[in-house]
Protein backbone atom coordinates (compact mmCIF):
# COMPACT_ATOMS: atom_id res chain seq x y z
CA MET A 1 -24.31 31.27 4.29
CA PRO A 2 -23.51 27.64 5.29
CA PRO A 3 -24.83 24.91 3.05
CA GLN A 4 -28.27 23.65 4.05
CA PRO A 5 -28.67 19.95 4.71
CA SER A 6 -30.98 19.68 1.76
CA SER A 7 -28.45 21.16 -0.71
CA ASN A 8 -27.13 18.96 -3.48
CA GLY A 9 -23.57 19.60 -2.50
CA PHE A 10 -24.07 18.37 1.06
CA ARG A 11 -25.90 15.25 -0.10
CA ARG A 12 -23.14 14.46 -2.59
CA LYS A 13 -20.43 14.75 0.01
CA ARG A 14 -22.33 12.60 2.45
CA SER A 15 -23.00 10.05 -0.29
CA LEU A 16 -19.33 9.85 -1.25
CA TYR A 17 -18.38 9.44 2.42
CA ASN A 18 -20.90 6.60 2.86
CA ASP A 19 -19.66 4.86 -0.26
CA ARG A 20 -16.05 5.18 0.96
CA TYR A 21 -16.98 3.98 4.39
CA THR A 22 -18.80 0.98 2.93
CA GLU A 23 -15.74 0.12 0.75
CA MET A 24 -13.35 0.33 3.81
CA ASN A 25 -15.58 -1.93 5.83
CA ALA A 26 -15.75 -4.51 3.10
CA ALA A 27 -11.98 -4.34 2.55
CA SER A 28 -11.51 -4.77 6.34
CA ARG A 29 -13.75 -7.84 6.46
CA TRP A 30 -11.93 -9.35 3.41
CA ALA A 31 -8.55 -8.65 5.03
CA ASP A 32 -9.63 -10.33 8.25
CA LYS A 33 -10.75 -13.41 6.41
CA THR A 34 -7.67 -13.43 4.14
CA GLU A 35 -5.26 -12.95 7.03
CA ALA A 36 -6.70 -16.03 8.75
CA THR A 37 -6.41 -18.15 5.68
CA MET A 38 -2.97 -16.85 4.76
CA SER A 39 -1.58 -17.66 8.15
CA ASP A 40 -3.04 -21.08 7.94
CA ARG A 41 -1.54 -21.74 4.51
CA PHE A 42 1.96 -20.05 4.86
CA ASP A 43 4.53 -19.76 7.62
CA VAL A 44 5.57 -16.19 8.12
CA ARG A 45 9.25 -17.32 8.51
CA ASP A 46 9.21 -18.84 5.07
CA LEU A 47 7.83 -15.64 3.54
CA LEU A 48 10.43 -13.53 5.33
CA MET A 49 13.18 -15.91 4.18
CA LEU A 50 12.17 -15.47 0.59
CA ALA A 51 11.82 -11.75 1.09
CA SER A 52 15.30 -11.51 2.49
CA VAL A 53 16.97 -12.42 -0.85
CA PRO A 54 18.21 -9.23 -2.71
CA GLY A 55 16.13 -8.82 -5.89
CA ILE A 56 13.03 -10.55 -4.53
CA GLY A 57 10.27 -7.95 -4.14
CA GLY A 58 6.61 -8.22 -3.99
CA ASN A 59 6.06 -9.23 -7.59
CA ARG A 60 8.67 -11.90 -7.67
CA LEU A 61 7.57 -13.22 -4.33
CA ARG A 62 4.07 -13.54 -5.63
CA GLN A 63 5.34 -15.29 -8.83
CA LEU A 64 7.38 -17.76 -6.72
CA ILE A 65 4.40 -18.63 -4.55
CA GLN A 66 2.12 -19.03 -7.57
CA HIS A 67 4.62 -21.18 -9.35
CA PHE A 68 5.47 -23.43 -6.36
CA GLY A 69 2.32 -23.27 -4.33
CA SER A 70 4.04 -22.08 -1.11
CA PRO A 71 7.05 -20.28 0.08
CA ARG A 72 8.41 -23.42 1.64
CA ALA A 73 8.27 -25.26 -1.62
CA ALA A 74 10.00 -22.30 -3.29
CA LEU A 75 12.80 -22.41 -0.72
CA ALA A 76 13.30 -26.19 -1.22
CA ALA A 77 13.52 -25.93 -5.01
CA SER A 78 16.81 -26.29 -6.85
CA PRO A 79 18.33 -23.41 -8.83
CA VAL A 80 17.30 -25.08 -12.09
CA GLU A 81 13.64 -25.33 -10.88
CA LEU A 82 13.75 -21.72 -9.71
CA SER A 83 15.15 -20.40 -12.99
CA ARG A 84 11.99 -21.76 -14.69
CA VAL A 85 9.96 -19.04 -13.02
CA ASP A 86 9.31 -16.01 -15.22
CA GLY A 87 11.53 -13.10 -14.17
CA LEU A 88 14.19 -15.13 -12.34
CA ASP A 89 17.52 -15.42 -14.03
CA LYS A 90 20.14 -18.12 -13.01
CA LYS A 91 21.89 -15.63 -10.72
CA LEU A 92 18.81 -14.82 -8.76
CA ALA A 93 17.65 -18.38 -8.74
CA SER A 94 21.00 -19.36 -7.15
CA ALA A 95 20.70 -16.59 -4.60
CA VAL A 96 17.30 -17.98 -3.58
CA ALA A 97 18.58 -21.52 -3.38
CA HIS A 98 21.67 -20.67 -1.39
CA ASN A 99 20.33 -17.91 0.83
CA THR A 100 22.53 -17.99 3.94
CA LEU A 101 21.62 -14.49 5.38
CA GLY A 102 17.89 -15.38 5.54
CA PRO A 103 17.67 -16.96 9.03
CA ALA A 104 19.39 -13.88 10.68
CA PHE A 105 17.01 -11.54 8.79
CA VAL A 106 14.00 -13.57 9.81
CA GLU A 107 14.89 -13.41 13.51
CA ASP A 108 15.64 -9.83 13.26
CA GLN A 109 12.35 -8.96 11.75
CA LEU A 110 10.36 -11.12 14.16
CA SER A 111 12.21 -9.62 17.17
CA ARG A 112 11.19 -6.10 15.90
CA LEU A 113 7.57 -7.23 15.74
CA ASN A 114 7.68 -8.46 19.33
CA LYS A 115 9.09 -5.14 20.82
C-alpha cells in the first residue's frame, strides 16, 4: 500500500526536501551577492596568476589574499615579504615572486572559458 499523504514518513521527507530547498536558495542568493563583490574587488587574471604557481592551492591562495589584502598585492610582494605568510617557505615564496609561466596559463584558462 503506498504511503498516504498524512503519514509521518511522507511529511518528514517533504520537510527535509523543503529545508534543503530553502538552504540551496539561500546559498544561491549569497553566491550571487558574493560573486558581484568578489569581481569588484579582485581581478580574475591576478587570481589565476597566483593559482598557476605549483604548490599554491586553495588554502595557500586564501592565506596570501588574507595576508596581503588582494591577489595583486601578493603578486607585487618580494620573496622576503611572501615568506612571512604562514605555510610559505622560501622556495615557494620565490616561485610566487618569479612566476614566469603565469601569463601563458592565465591566457589559456581564459580562452577555455570563452569557447
